[in-house]
């Protein structure tokens, strides 16, 4: 079973290309197209009747729904947007910050001056000003965008990894639904044969076979009927699992359109596992993500190494007394003071 999972994982670039995913790194190894064939069924079969809210679907449709419906894909896409925003912020972090503000003051009534005299007055004042603040660090201006760019590469690779994992989960869940439906068909056929055996055993003459044979046939028929209900329950559980991954209606019973003997050829049976291992390593987005994060860490190390060697330029536009050189504003006073003794 582990050998089969390894082969499926190595063939996933082919499966993703068929599902419509665009990888961050082009895959030059997976040139063999996906082959889906329907051979002649080993035994005649009839699809079971889907009870309740049936949802017909096929394998290509289920794989295409991964990119639009899976929650992990949506989260990975939002992380790419977050990394792009952080990259843009790092590129323009050296730009100054301009602060603009206004203030209005109005006073009516009594007030006390510095000499202690209390008098009545009415006055208004309006103030407007602007200041510039900037901290320019050459180490941050050079290496911070480089590190942020590598983080963007890592998030894109993480998106591909999430697409791989979600597609694998959907494929396995779909095959589980297909297997459960096929087992239901087999259980129904076995139950029909057991029912026919009961009918024939009861029609036999009393002296031809002992009565225990009819009892045994009826017991086997009851077991077969119980197996039909168990297989139906398994089909419903597998359908609910696939609906959970694709965020479909959980109450719907997914009914595959392909027959249960569908054959999907991901790789040629003549390919050796040793030859497929390098292909799988070259197309693993997890490795690309870790490589990008290592490059980002190296850029941050370079950033911290040269930080003490290069001075930073600080421009302050907000100060106390005296005012800063890069700040300015206007002050206006309205009204005429009225003094009353």
C-alpha atoms as a PDB file:
ATOM      1  CA  UNK A   1       0.000   0.000   0.000  1.00  0.00           C
ATOM      2  CA  UNK A   2       2.868   2.426   0.806  1.00  0.00           C
ATOM      3  CA  UNK A   3       4.465   1.655  -2.564  1.00  0.00           C
ATOM      4  CA  UNK A   4       1.204   2.534  -4.327  1.00  0.00           C
ATOM      5  CA  UNK A   5       0.900   5.836  -2.390  1.00  0.00           C
ATOM      6  CA  UNK A   6       4.471   6.753  -3.346  1.00  0.00           C
ATOM      7  CA  UNK A   7       3.696   6.142  -7.024  1.00  0.00           C
ATOM      8  CA  UNK A   8       0.531   8.229  -6.781  1.00  0.00           C
ATOM      9  CA  UNK A   9       2.427  11.069  -5.088  1.00  0.00           C
ATOM     10  CA  UNK A  10       5.080  11.046  -7.801  1.00  0.00           C
ATOM     11  CA  UNK A  11       2.409  11.121 -10.496  1.00  0.00           C
ATOM     12  CA  UNK A  12       0.510  14.004  -8.944  1.00  0.00           C
ATOM     13  CA  UNK A  13       1.958  16.676 -11.275  1.00  0.00           C
ATOM     14  CA  UNK A  14       0.187  14.818 -14.089  1.00  0.00           C
ATOM     15  CA  UNK A  15      -3.038  14.646 -12.113  1.00  0.00           C
ATOM     16  CA  UNK A  16      -2.847  18.339 -11.226  1.00  0.00           C
ATOM     17  CA  UNK A  17      -2.264  19.319 -14.834  1.00  0.00           C
ATOM     18  CA  UNK A  18      -5.378  17.400 -15.800  1.00  0.00           C
ATOM     19  CA  UNK A  19      -7.346  19.113 -13.015  1.00  0.00           C
ATOM     20  CA  UNK A  20      -6.338  22.582 -14.221  1.00  0.00           C
ATOM     21  CA  UNK A  21      -3.791  23.628 -11.571  1.00  0.00           C
ATOM     22  CA  UNK A  22      -0.937  25.920 -12.497  1.00  0.00           C
ATOM     23  CA  UNK A  23       2.257  25.073 -10.650  1.00  0.00           C
ATOM     24  CA  UNK A  24       4.781  27.690  -9.576  1.00  0.00           C
ATOM     25  CA  UNK A  25       7.553  25.699 -11.276  1.00  0.00           C
ATOM     26  CA  UNK A  26       6.966  24.147 -14.687  1.00  0.00           C
ATOM     27  CA  UNK A  27       7.102  20.377 -14.723  1.00  0.00           C
ATOM     28  CA  UNK A  28       9.165  19.092 -17.625  1.00  0.00           C
ATOM     29  CA  UNK A  29       9.108  15.478 -16.489  1.00  0.00           C
ATOM     30  CA  UNK A  30       5.368  14.753 -16.527  1.00  0.00           C
ATOM     31  CA  UNK A  31       4.749  14.586 -20.257  1.00  0.00           C
ATOM     32  CA  UNK A  32       2.594  11.485 -20.287  1.00  0.00           C
ATOM     33  CA  UNK A  33      -1.117  12.402 -20.346  1.00  0.00           C
ATOM     34  CA  UNK A  34      -3.583  10.951 -17.887  1.00  0.00           C
ATOM     35  CA  UNK A  35      -5.346   7.904 -19.305  1.00  0.00           C
ATOM     36  CA  UNK A  36      -8.899   7.110 -18.187  1.00  0.00           C
ATOM     37  CA  UNK A  37     -10.362   4.012 -19.790  1.00  0.00           C
ATOM     38  CA  UNK A  38     -13.471   1.935 -19.143  1.00  0.00           C
ATOM     39  CA  UNK A  39     -12.711  -1.719 -19.824  1.00  0.00           C
ATOM     40  CA  UNK A  40     -15.324  -4.399 -20.140  1.00  0.00           C
ATOM     41  CA  UNK A  41     -16.860  -5.165 -16.743  1.00  0.00           C
ATOM     42  CA  UNK A  42     -15.795  -8.506 -15.278  1.00  0.00           C
ATOM     43  CA  UNK A  43     -19.425  -9.332 -14.450  1.00  0.00           C
ATOM     44  CA  UNK A  44     -22.696  -7.701 -15.545  1.00  0.00           C
ATOM     45  CA  UNK A  45     -23.775  -5.046 -13.081  1.00  0.00           C
ATOM     46  CA  UNK A  46     -26.485  -2.446 -12.603  1.00  0.00           C
ATOM     47  CA  UNK A  47     -25.853   0.859 -10.773  1.00  0.00           C
ATOM     48  CA  UNK A  48     -27.649   0.996  -7.424  1.00  0.00           C
ATOM     49  CA  UNK A  49     -30.518   3.383  -6.944  1.00  0.00           C
ATOM     50  CA  UNK A  50     -29.376   6.479  -5.069  1.00  0.00           C
ATOM     51  CA  UNK A  51     -31.751   7.161  -2.203  1.00  0.00           C
ATOM     52  CA  UNK A  52     -32.502  10.697  -1.117  1.00  0.00           C
ATOM     53  CA  UNK A  53     -30.799  13.794  -2.558  1.00  0.00           C
ATOM     54  CA  UNK A  54     -28.456  12.325  -5.184  1.00  0.00           C
ATOM     55  CA  UNK A  55     -25.575  14.379  -6.586  1.00  0.00           C
ATOM     56  CA  UNK A  56     -24.112  12.925  -9.822  1.00  0.00           C
ATOM     57  CA  UNK A  57     -20.439  13.795 -10.318  1.00  0.00           C
ATOM     58  CA  UNK A  58     -17.424  12.427 -12.164  1.00  0.00           C
ATOM     59  CA  UNK A  59     -13.716  12.379 -11.330  1.00  0.00           C
ATOM     60  CA  UNK A  60     -12.554  15.351 -13.505  1.00  0.00           C
ATOM     61  CA  UNK A  61     -15.298  17.548 -12.044  1.00  0.00           C
ATOM     62  CA  UNK A  62     -14.352  16.584  -8.498  1.00  0.00           C
ATOM     63  CA  UNK A  63     -10.701  17.417  -9.170  1.00  0.00           C
ATOM     64  CA  UNK A  64     -11.594  20.804 -10.670  1.00  0.00           C
ATOM     65  CA  UNK A  65     -13.733  21.657  -7.650  1.00  0.00           C
ATOM     66  CA  UNK A  66     -10.647  21.407  -5.432  1.00  0.00           C
ATOM     67  CA  UNK A  67      -9.320  24.785  -6.553  1.00  0.00           C
ATOM     68  CA  UNK A  68     -12.678  26.496  -6.048  1.00  0.00           C
ATOM     69  CA  UNK A  69     -14.133  24.782  -3.010  1.00  0.00           C
ATOM     70  CA  UNK A  70     -11.366  23.454  -0.760  1.00  0.00           C
ATOM     71  CA  UNK A  71     -10.747  25.539   2.361  1.00  0.00           C
ATOM     72  CA  UNK A  72      -6.986  24.865   2.412  1.00  0.00           C
ATOM     73  CA  UNK A  73      -6.649  26.284  -1.106  1.00  0.00           C
ATOM     74  CA  UNK A  74      -8.490  29.468  -0.098  1.00  0.00           C
ATOM     75  CA  UNK A  75      -6.269  29.900   2.987  1.00  0.00           C
ATOM     76  CA  UNK A  76      -3.090  29.391   0.950  1.00  0.00           C
ATOM     77  CA  UNK A  77      -4.311  31.955  -1.599  1.00  0.00           C
ATOM     78  CA  UNK A  78      -4.887  34.535   1.142  1.00  0.00           C
ATOM     79  CA  UNK A  79      -1.386  33.904   2.484  1.00  0.00           C
ATOM     80  CA  UNK A  80       0.041  34.713  -0.944  1.00  0.00           C
ATOM     81  CA  UNK A  81      -1.811  38.031  -0.919  1.00  0.00           C
ATOM     82  CA  UNK A  82      -0.524  38.754   2.581  1.00  0.00           C
ATOM     83  CA  UNK A  83       3.062  38.002   1.523  1.00  0.00           C
ATOM     84  CA  UNK A  84       2.697  40.269  -1.527  1.00  0.00           C
ATOM     85  CA  UNK A  85       1.427  43.088   0.693  1.00  0.00           C
ATOM     86  CA  UNK A  86       4.378  42.633   3.063  1.00  0.00           C
ATOM     87  CA  UNK A  87       6.725  42.683   0.070  1.00  0.00           C
ATOM     88  CA  UNK A  88       5.264  45.973  -1.139  1.00  0.00           C
ATOM     89  CA  UNK A  89       5.558  47.394   2.364  1.00  0.00           C
ATOM     90  CA  UNK A  90       9.212  46.370   2.580  1.00  0.00           C
ATOM     91  CA  UNK A  91      10.006  47.995  -0.771  1.00  0.00           C
ATOM     92  CA  UNK A  92       8.629  51.384   0.273  1.00  0.00           C
ATOM     93  CA  UNK A  93       9.424  51.341   4.005  1.00  0.00           C
ATOM     94  CA  UNK A  94      12.135  54.009   3.495  1.00  0.00           C
ATOM     95  CA  UNK A  95       9.625  56.629   2.383  1.00  0.00           C
ATOM     96  CA  UNK A  96       8.933  59.384   4.955  1.00  0.00           C
ATOM     97  CA  UNK A  97       5.723  59.634   6.926  1.00  0.00           C
ATOM     98  CA  UNK A  98       3.886  62.947   6.583  1.00  0.00           C
ATOM     99  CA  UNK A  99       1.643  63.867   9.497  1.00  0.00           C
ATOM    100  CA  UNK A 100      -1.027  66.533   8.951  1.00  0.00           C
ATOM    101  CA  UNK A 101      -3.326  67.801  11.683  1.00  0.00           C
ATOM    102  CA  UNK A 102      -5.715  70.620  12.571  1.00  0.00           C
ATOM    103  CA  UNK A 103      -7.074  71.927  15.874  1.00  0.00           C
ATOM    104  CA  UNK A 104      -9.785  74.408  16.841  1.00  0.00           C
ATOM    105  CA  UNK A 105     -10.272  76.034  20.265  1.00  0.00           C
ATOM    106  CA  UNK A 106     -13.187  78.173  21.480  1.00  0.00           C
ATOM    107  CA  UNK A 107     -13.550  79.752  24.929  1.00  0.00           C
ATOM    108  CA  UNK A 108     -16.442  81.827  26.325  1.00  0.00           C
ATOM    109  CA  UNK A 109     -16.653  82.939  29.941  1.00  0.00           C
ATOM    110  CA  UNK A 110     -14.297  83.647  32.785  1.00  0.00           C
ATOM    111  CA  UNK A 111     -10.595  82.914  32.709  1.00  0.00           C
ATOM    112  CA  UNK A 112      -7.630  83.685  34.946  1.00  0.00           C
ATOM    113  CA  UNK A 113      -4.421  85.253  33.717  1.00  0.00           C
ATOM    114  CA  UNK A 114      -0.932  84.590  35.027  1.00  0.00           C
ATOM    115  CA  UNK A 115      -1.263  87.363  37.602  1.00  0.00           C
ATOM    116  CA  UNK A 116      -4.305  85.727  39.191  1.00  0.00           C
ATOM    117  CA  UNK A 117      -6.868  88.185  37.830  1.00  0.00           C
ATOM    118  CA  UNK A 118     -10.174  86.603  36.843  1.00  0.00           C
ATOM    119  CA  UNK A 119     -11.939  88.193  33.901  1.00  0.00           C
ATOM    120  CA  UNK A 120     -14.514  87.346  31.229  1.00  0.00           C
ATOM    121  CA  UNK A 121     -13.524  86.860  27.605  1.00  0.00           C
ATOM    122  CA  UNK A 122     -14.548  85.182  24.342  1.00  0.00           C
ATOM    123  CA  UNK A 123     -11.918  83.928  21.920  1.00  0.00           C
ATOM    124  CA  UNK A 124     -11.314  81.323  19.206  1.00  0.00           C
ATOM    125  CA  UNK A 125      -8.183  79.843  17.700  1.00  0.00           C
ATOM    126  CA  UNK A 126      -7.508  77.596  14.740  1.00  0.00           C
ATOM    127  CA  UNK A 127      -4.266  75.684  14.177  1.00  0.00           C
ATOM    128  CA  UNK A 128      -3.041  73.644  11.223  1.00  0.00           C
ATOM    129  CA  UNK A 129       0.320  72.014  10.715  1.00  0.00           C
ATOM    130  CA  UNK A 130       2.309  69.248   9.086  1.00  0.00           C
ATOM    131  CA  UNK A 131       5.399  67.296  10.001  1.00  0.00           C
ATOM    132  CA  UNK A 132       7.720  64.834   8.272  1.00  0.00           C
ATOM    133  CA  UNK A 133       9.145  61.727   9.969  1.00  0.00           C
ATOM    134  CA  UNK A 134      11.558  59.401   8.228  1.00  0.00           C
ATOM    135  CA  UNK A 135      14.010  56.715   9.331  1.00  0.00           C
ATOM    136  CA  UNK A 136      16.189  55.513   6.471  1.00  0.00           C
ATOM    137  CA  UNK A 137      18.236  52.398   7.207  1.00  0.00           C
ATOM    138  CA  UNK A 138      20.279  51.189   4.224  1.00  0.00           C
ATOM    139  CA  UNK A 139      20.353  47.611   5.534  1.00  0.00           C
ATOM    140  CA  UNK A 140      16.547  47.474   5.685  1.00  0.00           C
ATOM    141  CA  UNK A 141      16.124  49.221   2.343  1.00  0.00           C
ATOM    142  CA  UNK A 142      18.403  46.711   0.579  1.00  0.00           C
ATOM    143  CA  UNK A 143      17.787  43.350   2.227  1.00  0.00           C
ATOM    144  CA  UNK A 144      14.225  43.585   3.594  1.00  0.00           C
ATOM    145  CA  UNK A 145      12.631  43.526   0.092  1.00  0.00           C
ATOM    146  CA  UNK A 146      14.880  40.606  -0.895  1.00  0.00           C
ATOM    147  CA  UNK A 147      13.790  38.597   2.149  1.00  0.00           C
ATOM    148  CA  UNK A 148      10.130  39.479   1.561  1.00  0.00           C
ATOM    149  CA  UNK A 149      10.422  38.339  -2.059  1.00  0.00           C
ATOM    150  CA  UNK A 150      11.660  34.934  -0.928  1.00  0.00           C
ATOM    151  CA  UNK A 151       8.727  34.704   1.478  1.00  0.00           C
ATOM    152  CA  UNK A 152       6.387  35.301  -1.478  1.00  0.00           C
ATOM    153  CA  UNK A 153       8.070  32.430  -3.315  1.00  0.00           C
ATOM    154  CA  UNK A 154       7.592  30.221  -0.267  1.00  0.00           C
ATOM    155  CA  UNK A 155       3.883  31.085  -0.048  1.00  0.00           C
ATOM    156  CA  UNK A 156       3.396  30.290  -3.740  1.00  0.00           C
ATOM    157  CA  UNK A 157       5.071  26.926  -3.195  1.00  0.00           C
ATOM    158  CA  UNK A 158       2.867  26.369  -0.143  1.00  0.00           C
ATOM    159  CA  UNK A 159      -0.150  27.007  -2.374  1.00  0.00           C
ATOM    160  CA  UNK A 160       1.043  24.260  -4.731  1.00  0.00           C
ATOM    161  CA  UNK A 161       1.603  21.942  -1.772  1.00  0.00           C
ATOM    162  CA  UNK A 162      -1.903  22.645  -0.488  1.00  0.00           C
ATOM    163  CA  UNK A 163      -3.257  21.948  -3.972  1.00  0.00           C
ATOM    164  CA  UNK A 164      -1.375  18.638  -4.039  1.00  0.00           C
ATOM    165  CA  UNK A 165      -2.663  17.594  -0.629  1.00  0.00           C
ATOM    166  CA  UNK A 166      -6.232  18.662  -1.351  1.00  0.00           C
ATOM    167  CA  UNK A 167      -6.246  16.931  -4.733  1.00  0.00           C
ATOM    168  CA  UNK A 168      -4.891  13.752  -3.179  1.00  0.00           C
ATOM    169  CA  UNK A 169      -7.552  13.908  -0.451  1.00  0.00           C
ATOM    170  CA  UNK A 170     -10.310  14.446  -3.037  1.00  0.00           C
ATOM    171  CA  UNK A 171      -9.047  11.610  -5.245  1.00  0.00           C
ATOM    172  CA  UNK A 172      -8.881   9.196  -2.312  1.00  0.00           C
ATOM    173  CA  UNK A 173     -12.322  10.255  -1.056  1.00  0.00           C
ATOM    174  CA  UNK A 174     -13.781   9.885  -4.562  1.00  0.00           C
ATOM    175  CA  UNK A 175     -12.313   6.412  -4.955  1.00  0.00           C
ATOM    176  CA  UNK A 176     -13.694   5.519  -1.516  1.00  0.00           C
ATOM    177  CA  UNK A 177     -17.149   6.571  -2.706  1.00  0.00           C
ATOM    178  CA  UNK A 178     -16.691   4.546  -5.869  1.00  0.00           C
ATOM    179  CA  UNK A 179     -15.529   1.506  -3.889  1.00  0.00           C
ATOM    180  CA  UNK A 180     -18.400   1.788  -1.401  1.00  0.00           C
ATOM    181  CA  UNK A 181     -20.921   1.971  -4.224  1.00  0.00           C
ATOM    182  CA  UNK A 182     -19.352  -1.051  -5.919  1.00  0.00           C
ATOM    183  CA  UNK A 183     -19.432  -3.013  -2.678  1.00  0.00           C
ATOM    184  CA  UNK A 184     -23.122  -2.109  -2.332  1.00  0.00           C
ATOM    185  CA  UNK A 185     -23.778  -3.535  -5.783  1.00  0.00           C
ATOM    186  CA  UNK A 186     -21.962  -6.726  -4.813  1.00  0.00           C
ATOM    187  CA  UNK A 187     -23.896  -6.984  -1.557  1.00  0.00           C
ATOM    188  CA  UNK A 188     -27.211  -6.544  -3.382  1.00  0.00           C
ATOM    189  CA  UNK A 189     -26.303  -9.257  -5.903  1.00  0.00           C
ATOM    190  CA  UNK A 190     -25.290 -11.608  -3.097  1.00  0.00           C
ATOM    191  CA  UNK A 191     -28.565 -10.878  -1.278  1.00  0.00           C
ATOM    192  CA  UNK A 192     -30.551 -11.723  -4.414  1.00  0.00           C
ATOM    193  CA  UNK A 193     -28.729 -15.028  -4.774  1.00  0.00           C
ATOM    194  CA  UNK A 194     -29.304 -15.793  -1.094  1.00  0.00           C
ATOM    195  CA  UNK A 195     -33.016 -15.038  -1.510  1.00  0.00           C
ATOM    196  CA  UNK A 196     -33.186 -17.381  -4.495  1.00  0.00           C
ATOM    197  CA  UNK A 197     -31.431 -20.051  -2.448  1.00  0.00           C
ATOM    198  CA  UNK A 198     -34.042 -19.700   0.299  1.00  0.00           C
ATOM    199  CA  UNK A 199     -36.854 -20.068  -2.241  1.00  0.00           C
ATOM    200  CA  UNK A 200     -35.349 -23.209  -3.720  1.00  0.00           C
ATOM    201  CA  UNK A 201     -34.526 -24.725  -0.335  1.00  0.00           C
ATOM    202  CA  UNK A 202     -38.101 -24.262   0.847  1.00  0.00           C
ATOM    203  CA  UNK A 203     -39.510 -25.883  -2.318  1.00  0.00           C
ATOM    204  CA  UNK A 204     -37.481 -29.044  -1.956  1.00  0.00           C
ATOM    205  CA  UNK A 205     -39.227 -32.176  -0.693  1.00  0.00           C
ATOM    206  CA  UNK A 206     -39.155 -32.868   3.008  1.00  0.00           C
ATOM    207  CA  UNK A 207     -37.187 -36.057   2.691  1.00  0.00           C
ATOM    208  CA  UNK A 208     -34.703 -34.765   0.122  1.00  0.00           C
ATOM    209  CA  UNK A 209     -32.781 -32.368   2.393  1.00  0.00           C
ATOM    210  CA  UNK A 210     -32.892 -31.887   6.161  1.00  0.00           C
ATOM    211  CA  UNK A 211     -34.929 -28.909   7.433  1.00  0.00           C
ATOM    212  CA  UNK A 212     -31.786 -27.336   8.849  1.00  0.00           C
ATOM    213  CA  UNK A 213     -30.660 -26.460   5.301  1.00  0.00           C
ATOM    214  CA  UNK A 214     -33.648 -24.154   4.833  1.00  0.00           C
ATOM    215  CA  UNK A 215     -32.932 -22.528   8.198  1.00  0.00           C
ATOM    216  CA  UNK A 216     -29.298 -22.079   7.190  1.00  0.00           C
ATOM    217  CA  UNK A 217     -30.356 -20.477   3.893  1.00  0.00           C
ATOM    218  CA  UNK A 218     -32.671 -18.062   5.680  1.00  0.00           C
ATOM    219  CA  UNK A 219     -29.902 -17.136   8.147  1.00  0.00           C
ATOM    220  CA  UNK A 220     -27.505 -16.496   5.264  1.00  0.00           C
ATOM    221  CA  UNK A 221     -30.133 -14.364   3.544  1.00  0.00           C
ATOM    222  CA  UNK A 222     -30.585 -12.278   6.717  1.00  0.00           C
ATOM    223  CA  UNK A 223     -26.801 -11.805   6.906  1.00  0.00           C
ATOM    224  CA  UNK A 224     -26.720 -10.685   3.275  1.00  0.00           C
ATOM    225  CA  UNK A 225     -29.519  -8.185   3.883  1.00  0.00           C
ATOM    226  CA  UNK A 226     -27.612  -6.794   6.851  1.00  0.00           C
ATOM    227  CA  UNK A 227     -24.524  -6.452   4.646  1.00  0.00           C
ATOM    228  CA  UNK A 228     -26.570  -4.436   2.132  1.00  0.00           C
ATOM    229  CA  UNK A 229     -27.542  -1.946   4.854  1.00  0.00           C
ATOM    230  CA  UNK A 230     -23.923  -1.787   6.053  1.00  0.00           C
ATOM    231  CA  UNK A 231     -22.633  -1.094   2.525  1.00  0.00           C
ATOM    232  CA  UNK A 232     -25.281   1.590   2.031  1.00  0.00           C
ATOM    233  CA  UNK A 233     -24.176   3.219   5.279  1.00  0.00           C
ATOM    234  CA  UNK A 234     -20.561   3.074   4.135  1.00  0.00           C
ATOM    235  CA  UNK A 235     -21.516   4.742   0.852  1.00  0.00           C
ATOM    236  CA  UNK A 236     -23.244   7.537   2.752  1.00  0.00           C
ATOM    237  CA  UNK A 237     -20.236   8.025   5.046  1.00  0.00           C
ATOM    238  CA  UNK A 238     -17.786   8.137   2.119  1.00  0.00           C
ATOM    239  CA  UNK A 239     -20.094  10.567   0.306  1.00  0.00           C
ATOM    240  CA  UNK A 240     -20.257  12.835   3.356  1.00  0.00           C
ATOM    241  CA  UNK A 241     -16.449  12.780   3.629  1.00  0.00           C
ATOM    242  CA  UNK A 242     -16.055  13.843  -0.009  1.00  0.00           C
ATOM    243  CA  UNK A 243     -18.699  16.526   0.458  1.00  0.00           C
ATOM    244  CA  UNK A 244     -16.813  17.824   3.502  1.00  0.00           C
ATOM    245  CA  UNK A 245     -13.595  18.229   1.520  1.00  0.00           C
ATOM    246  CA  UNK A 246     -15.328  19.917  -1.432  1.00  0.00           C
ATOM    247  CA  UNK A 247     -17.713  21.891   0.829  1.00  0.00           C
ATOM    248  CA  UNK A 248     -20.786  20.441  -0.872  1.00  0.00           C
ATOM    249  CA  UNK A 249     -24.182  19.683   0.587  1.00  0.00           C
ATOM    250  CA  UNK A 250     -23.477  17.189   3.417  1.00  0.00           C
ATOM    251  CA  UNK A 251     -26.923  15.654   3.046  1.00  0.00           C
ATOM    252  CA  UNK A 252     -26.415  14.879  -0.658  1.00  0.00           C
ATOM    253  CA  UNK A 253     -25.483  11.349  -1.686  1.00  0.00           C
ATOM    254  CA  UNK A 254     -22.678  11.579  -4.230  1.00  0.00           C
ATOM    255  CA  UNK A 255     -23.312   9.218  -7.131  1.00  0.00           C
ATOM    256  CA  UNK A 256     -20.226   8.716  -9.370  1.00  0.00           C
ATOM    257  CA  UNK A 257     -20.981   8.777 -13.065  1.00  0.00           C
ATOM    258  CA  UNK A 258     -18.155   6.371 -13.936  1.00  0.00           C
ATOM    259  CA  UNK A 259     -18.603   2.628 -13.550  1.00  0.00           C
ATOM    260  CA  UNK A 260     -16.841   0.987 -10.593  1.00  0.00           C
ATOM    261  CA  UNK A 261     -14.390  -0.806 -12.904  1.00  0.00           C
ATOM    262  CA  UNK A 262     -12.986   2.512 -14.207  1.00  0.00           C
ATOM    263  CA  UNK A 263      -9.253   2.326 -14.882  1.00  0.00           C
ATOM    264  CA  UNK A 264      -7.084   5.434 -14.285  1.00  0.00           C
ATOM    265  CA  UNK A 265      -3.469   5.111 -15.471  1.00  0.00           C
ATOM    266  CA  UNK A 266      -1.227   7.704 -13.822  1.00  0.00           C
ATOM    267  CA  UNK A 267       2.085   6.066 -14.686  1.00  0.00           C
ATOM    268  CA  UNK A 268       3.230   3.393 -17.017  1.00  0.00           C
ATOM    269  CA  UNK A 269       3.627   0.009 -15.378  1.00  0.00           C
ATOM    270  CA  UNK A 270       7.032  -0.271 -17.059  1.00  0.00           C
ATOM    271  CA  UNK A 271       8.474   2.679 -15.110  1.00  0.00           C
ATOM    272  CA  UNK A 272      10.929   1.768 -12.361  1.00  0.00           C
ATOM    273  CA  UNK A 273      10.528   3.296  -8.912  1.00  0.00           C
ATOM    274  CA  UNK A 274      14.208   4.311  -8.777  1.00  0.00           C
ATOM    275  CA  UNK A 275      13.745   6.380 -11.946  1.00  0.00           C
ATOM    276  CA  UNK A 276      10.668   8.108 -10.536  1.00  0.00           C
ATOM    277  CA  UNK A 277      12.282   9.209  -7.263  1.00  0.00           C
ATOM    278  CA  UNK A 278      14.310  12.088  -8.844  1.00  0.00           C
ATOM    279  CA  UNK A 279      11.181  13.204 -10.708  1.00  0.00           C
ATOM    280  CA  UNK A 280       9.249  13.342  -7.479  1.00  0.00           C
ATOM    281  CA  UNK A 281      11.995  15.284  -5.695  1.00  0.00           C
ATOM    282  CA  UNK A 282      12.211  17.874  -8.461  1.00  0.00           C
ATOM    283  CA  UNK A 283       8.465  18.492  -8.365  1.00  0.00           C
ATOM    284  CA  UNK A 284       7.846  18.680  -4.626  1.00  0.00           C
ATOM    285  CA  UNK A 285       6.661  22.212  -3.740  1.00  0.00           C
ATOM    286  CA  UNK A 286       7.455  21.586  -0.070  1.00  0.00           C
ATOM    287  CA  UNK A 287      11.163  21.523  -0.943  1.00  0.00           C
ATOM    288  CA  UNK A 288      10.845  24.751  -2.941  1.00  0.00           C
ATOM    289  CA  UNK A 289       9.067  26.403  -0.003  1.00  0.00           C
ATOM    290  CA  UNK A 290      11.797  25.442   2.453  1.00  0.00           C
ATOM    291  CA  UNK A 291      14.520  26.586   0.048  1.00  0.00           C
ATOM    292  CA  UNK A 292      12.834  29.983  -0.297  1.00  0.00           C
ATOM    293  CA  UNK A 293      12.542  30.349   3.487  1.00  0.00           C
ATOM    294  CA  UNK A 294      16.244  29.505   3.848  1.00  0.00           C
ATOM    295  CA  UNK A 295      17.092  32.203   1.286  1.00  0.00           C
ATOM    296  CA  UNK A 296      14.937  34.691   3.211  1.00  0.00           C
ATOM    297  CA  UNK A 297      16.772  33.823   6.431  1.00  0.00           C
ATOM    298  CA  UNK A 298      20.142  34.351   4.730  1.00  0.00           C
ATOM    299  CA  UNK A 299      19.054  37.781   3.516  1.00  0.00           C
ATOM    300  CA  UNK A 300      17.993  38.730   7.056  1.00  0.00           C
ATOM    301  CA  UNK A 301      21.364  37.562   8.404  1.00  0.00           C
ATOM    302  CA  UNK A 302      23.134  39.801   5.899  1.00  0.00           C
ATOM    303  CA  UNK A 303      20.824  42.614   6.914  1.00  0.00           C
ATOM    304  CA  UNK A 304      21.755  42.315  10.587  1.00  0.00           C
ATOM    305  CA  UNK A 305      25.480  41.947   9.846  1.00  0.00           C
ATOM    306  CA  UNK A 306      25.791  45.245   8.007  1.00  0.00           C
ATOM    307  CA  UNK A 307      23.327  47.151  10.198  1.00  0.00           C
ATOM    308  CA  UNK A 308      25.967  48.267  12.767  1.00  0.00           C
ATOM    309  CA  UNK A 309      28.385  49.283   9.997  1.00  0.00           C
ATOM    310  CA  UNK A 310      26.138  51.672   8.056  1.00  0.00           C
ATOM    311  CA  UNK A 311      24.597  54.664   9.846  1.00  0.00           C
ATOM    312  CA  UNK A 312      20.879  55.355   9.674  1.00  0.00           C
ATOM    313  CA  UNK A 313      19.362  58.670   8.646  1.00  0.00           C
ATOM    314  CA  UNK A 314      16.605  59.961  10.923  1.00  0.00           C
ATOM    315  CA  UNK A 315      14.350  62.899  10.004  1.00  0.00           C
ATOM    316  CA  UNK A 316      11.997  64.036  12.747  1.00  0.00           C
ATOM    317  CA  UNK A 317       9.240  66.517  12.047  1.00  0.00           C
ATOM    318  CA  UNK A 318       7.558  66.518  15.424  1.00  0.00           C
ATOM    319  CA  UNK A 319       9.229  68.055  18.467  1.00  0.00           C
ATOM    320  CA  UNK A 320       8.603  69.896  21.698  1.00  0.00           C
ATOM    321  CA  UNK A 321      10.478  73.130  22.431  1.00  0.00           C
ATOM    322  CA  UNK A 322      12.022  74.306  20.157  1.00  0.00           C
ATOM    323  CA  UNK A 323       9.980  72.955  17.209  1.00  0.00           C
ATOM    324  CA  UNK A 324      11.614  70.500  14.829  1.00  0.00           C
ATOM    325  CA  UNK A 325      13.183  71.794  11.664  1.00  0.00           C
ATOM    326  CA  UNK A 326      10.912  69.806   9.342  1.00  0.00           C
ATOM    327  CA  UNK A 327       7.588  70.824  10.843  1.00  0.00           C
ATOM    328  CA  UNK A 328       5.431  73.841  10.101  1.00  0.00           C
ATOM    329  CA  UNK A 329       1.957  75.203  10.589  1.00  0.00           C
ATOM    330  CA  UNK A 330      -0.295  78.249  10.952  1.00  0.00           C
ATOM    331  CA  UNK A 331      -2.084  79.759  13.925  1.00  0.00           C
ATOM    332  CA  UNK A 332      -4.976  82.181  13.787  1.00  0.00           C
ATOM    333  CA  UNK A 333      -6.923  83.824  16.594  1.00  0.00           C
ATOM    334  CA  UNK A 334     -10.469  85.129  16.309  1.00  0.00           C
ATOM    335  CA  UNK A 335     -12.452  87.414  18.591  1.00  0.00           C
ATOM    336  CA  UNK A 336     -11.528  90.341  20.822  1.00  0.00           C
ATOM    337  CA  UNK A 337     -10.873  89.801  24.516  1.00  0.00           C
ATOM    338  CA  UNK A 338     -13.286  91.591  26.848  1.00  0.00           C
ATOM    339  CA  UNK A 339     -12.068  92.484  30.312  1.00  0.00           C
ATOM    340  CA  UNK A 340     -14.410  93.086  33.200  1.00  0.00           C
ATOM    341  CA  UNK A 341     -13.359  94.151  36.654  1.00  0.00           C
END
